[in-house]
Amino acid sequence: MPQVRVLPHPDLCPEGRVLELKRGASLCEGLLAAGIAIEHACEMVAACATCHVYVREGAASLAPPDDEENDQLDNAWGLEAQSRLACCVKLRDADVTIELPRHTRNHAREK
C-alpha cells in the first residue's frame, strides 16, 4: 500500500503525517478520513479547485491530470508545476509527498 507523507501545515496538519492508503484510493478522501480537513467545496467532483495540493515527491507515479482537472487548476491560488487537485489524484503503488497550500480559493471557512 502506498504511503502519503503530508508535510506540516500550520492549521490543517501542524506535525505533518504519514498515511497508508490503498492503491486506487482518492487522495482527498484519504486525507479527510485521516482527519485532515482539506477543503472540498464541490464534494470532490473537480469543479472548484479548493482541494488543491502540491505533489512534492512521487508525481511521476500518478496518472497525469486530465483536461477537466487542468481547467480547474487554472483557478487555484498559488498554482505551480506540482499542483494537483486532491479529488482527482488516485494513488498507485509508489509513495507520494504532498504539501497543503497556505491559502485556497475560499477566503473563509466555517468551523
Protein backbone atom coordinates (compact mmCIF):
# COMPACT_ATOMS: atom_id res chain seq x y z
CA MET A 1 0.00 0.00 0.00
CA PRO A 2 1.36 3.42 -0.91
CA GLN A 3 2.22 5.91 1.79
CA VAL A 4 1.25 9.56 1.60
CA ARG A 5 3.54 11.87 3.50
CA VAL A 6 1.78 15.13 4.35
CA LEU A 7 4.21 17.94 5.07
CA PRO A 8 3.43 20.11 8.11
CA HIS A 9 0.74 22.76 7.63
CA PRO A 10 0.19 25.26 10.48
CA ASP A 11 -3.60 24.84 10.58
CA LEU A 12 -4.56 21.55 8.98
CA CYS A 13 -1.71 19.26 10.00
CA PRO A 14 0.83 21.03 12.26
CA GLU A 15 3.03 17.98 12.88
CA GLY A 16 2.79 16.54 9.38
CA ARG A 17 1.58 12.98 8.93
CA VAL A 18 2.22 9.72 7.11
CA LEU A 19 -0.87 7.89 5.85
CA GLU A 20 -1.09 4.44 4.35
CA LEU A 21 -3.81 4.32 1.71
CA LYS A 22 -4.95 1.62 -0.67
CA ARG A 23 -3.90 1.61 -4.28
CA GLY A 24 -6.59 3.38 -6.29
CA ALA A 25 -7.76 5.44 -3.31
CA SER A 26 -8.68 9.10 -3.77
CA LEU A 27 -6.14 11.39 -2.15
CA CYS A 28 -8.86 13.78 -0.99
CA GLU A 29 -10.96 11.04 0.58
CA GLY A 30 -7.87 9.58 2.27
CA LEU A 31 -6.90 12.93 3.78
CA LEU A 32 -10.42 13.51 5.07
CA ALA A 33 -10.66 10.00 6.53
CA ALA A 34 -7.40 10.66 8.40
CA GLY A 35 -8.85 13.80 9.96
CA ILE A 36 -7.02 16.29 7.76
CA ALA A 37 -9.76 18.80 6.96
CA ILE A 38 -8.79 19.70 3.41
CA GLU A 39 -11.38 21.84 1.67
CA HIS A 40 -13.57 20.22 -0.95
CA ALA A 41 -16.36 22.69 -1.71
CA CYS A 42 -17.67 20.81 -4.76
CA GLU A 43 -17.87 17.48 -2.92
CA MET A 44 -14.96 16.06 -4.93
CA VAL A 45 -16.23 16.38 -8.50
CA ALA A 46 -13.35 18.54 -9.82
CA ALA A 47 -15.45 21.68 -10.07
CA CYS A 48 -13.90 24.14 -7.60
CA ALA A 49 -10.10 23.78 -7.08
CA THR A 50 -10.41 24.10 -3.28
CA CYS A 51 -8.68 20.72 -2.75
CA HIS A 52 -5.53 22.00 -4.45
CA VAL A 53 -2.31 20.35 -3.21
CA TYR A 54 1.34 20.27 -4.26
CA VAL A 55 2.78 16.84 -5.03
CA ARG A 56 6.40 17.30 -3.92
CA GLU A 57 7.56 13.71 -4.47
CA GLY A 58 6.15 10.76 -6.36
CA ALA A 59 4.23 12.69 -9.01
CA ALA A 60 5.72 10.56 -11.80
CA SER A 61 3.87 7.55 -10.40
CA LEU A 62 0.46 9.26 -10.73
CA ALA A 63 -1.70 9.47 -13.82
CA PRO A 64 -1.29 12.89 -15.43
CA PRO A 65 -4.08 15.42 -14.90
CA ASP A 66 -6.91 15.18 -17.42
CA ASP A 67 -8.43 18.18 -19.23
CA GLU A 68 -11.09 18.72 -16.56
CA GLU A 69 -8.51 18.84 -13.77
CA ASN A 70 -6.24 21.14 -15.78
CA ASP A 71 -9.15 23.51 -16.42
CA GLN A 72 -9.92 23.73 -12.69
CA LEU A 73 -6.27 24.07 -11.70
CA ASP A 74 -6.24 27.37 -13.58
CA ASN A 75 -8.49 28.65 -10.76
CA ALA A 76 -6.26 27.51 -7.90
CA TRP A 77 -4.29 30.03 -5.85
CA GLY A 78 -0.53 29.58 -5.93
CA LEU A 79 -0.50 27.31 -8.96
CA GLU A 80 2.82 25.51 -9.53
CA ALA A 81 4.05 22.79 -11.84
CA GLN A 82 3.48 20.28 -8.99
CA SER A 83 -0.14 21.39 -8.40
CA ARG A 84 -2.91 18.79 -8.45
CA LEU A 85 -6.50 18.55 -7.24
CA ALA A 86 -6.65 16.00 -4.42
CA CYS A 87 -10.07 14.83 -5.61
CA CYS A 88 -8.55 13.81 -8.96
CA VAL A 89 -5.46 12.04 -7.63
CA LYS A 90 -5.82 8.28 -7.43
CA LEU A 91 -2.90 6.60 -5.73
CA ARG A 92 -0.84 3.96 -7.44
CA ASP A 93 1.96 1.80 -6.00
CA ALA A 94 4.55 4.48 -5.25
CA ASP A 95 4.70 6.69 -2.18
CA VAL A 96 3.95 10.40 -2.57
CA THR A 97 4.73 13.50 -0.55
CA ILE A 98 2.26 16.35 -0.60
CA GLU A 99 2.17 19.89 0.70
CA LEU A 100 -1.09 21.64 1.53
CA PRO A 101 -1.20 25.27 0.32
CA ARG A 102 -1.45 28.05 2.88
CA HIS A 103 -4.44 29.56 1.04
CA THR A 104 -7.36 28.27 -1.03
CA ARG A 105 -9.95 29.85 -3.28
CA ASN A 106 -12.26 30.21 -0.26
CA HIS A 107 -11.35 33.17 1.93
CA ALA A 108 -13.34 31.96 4.94
CA ARG A 109 -14.21 28.55 6.30
CA GLU A 110 -16.91 27.51 8.66
CA LYS A 111 -15.58 25.92 11.81
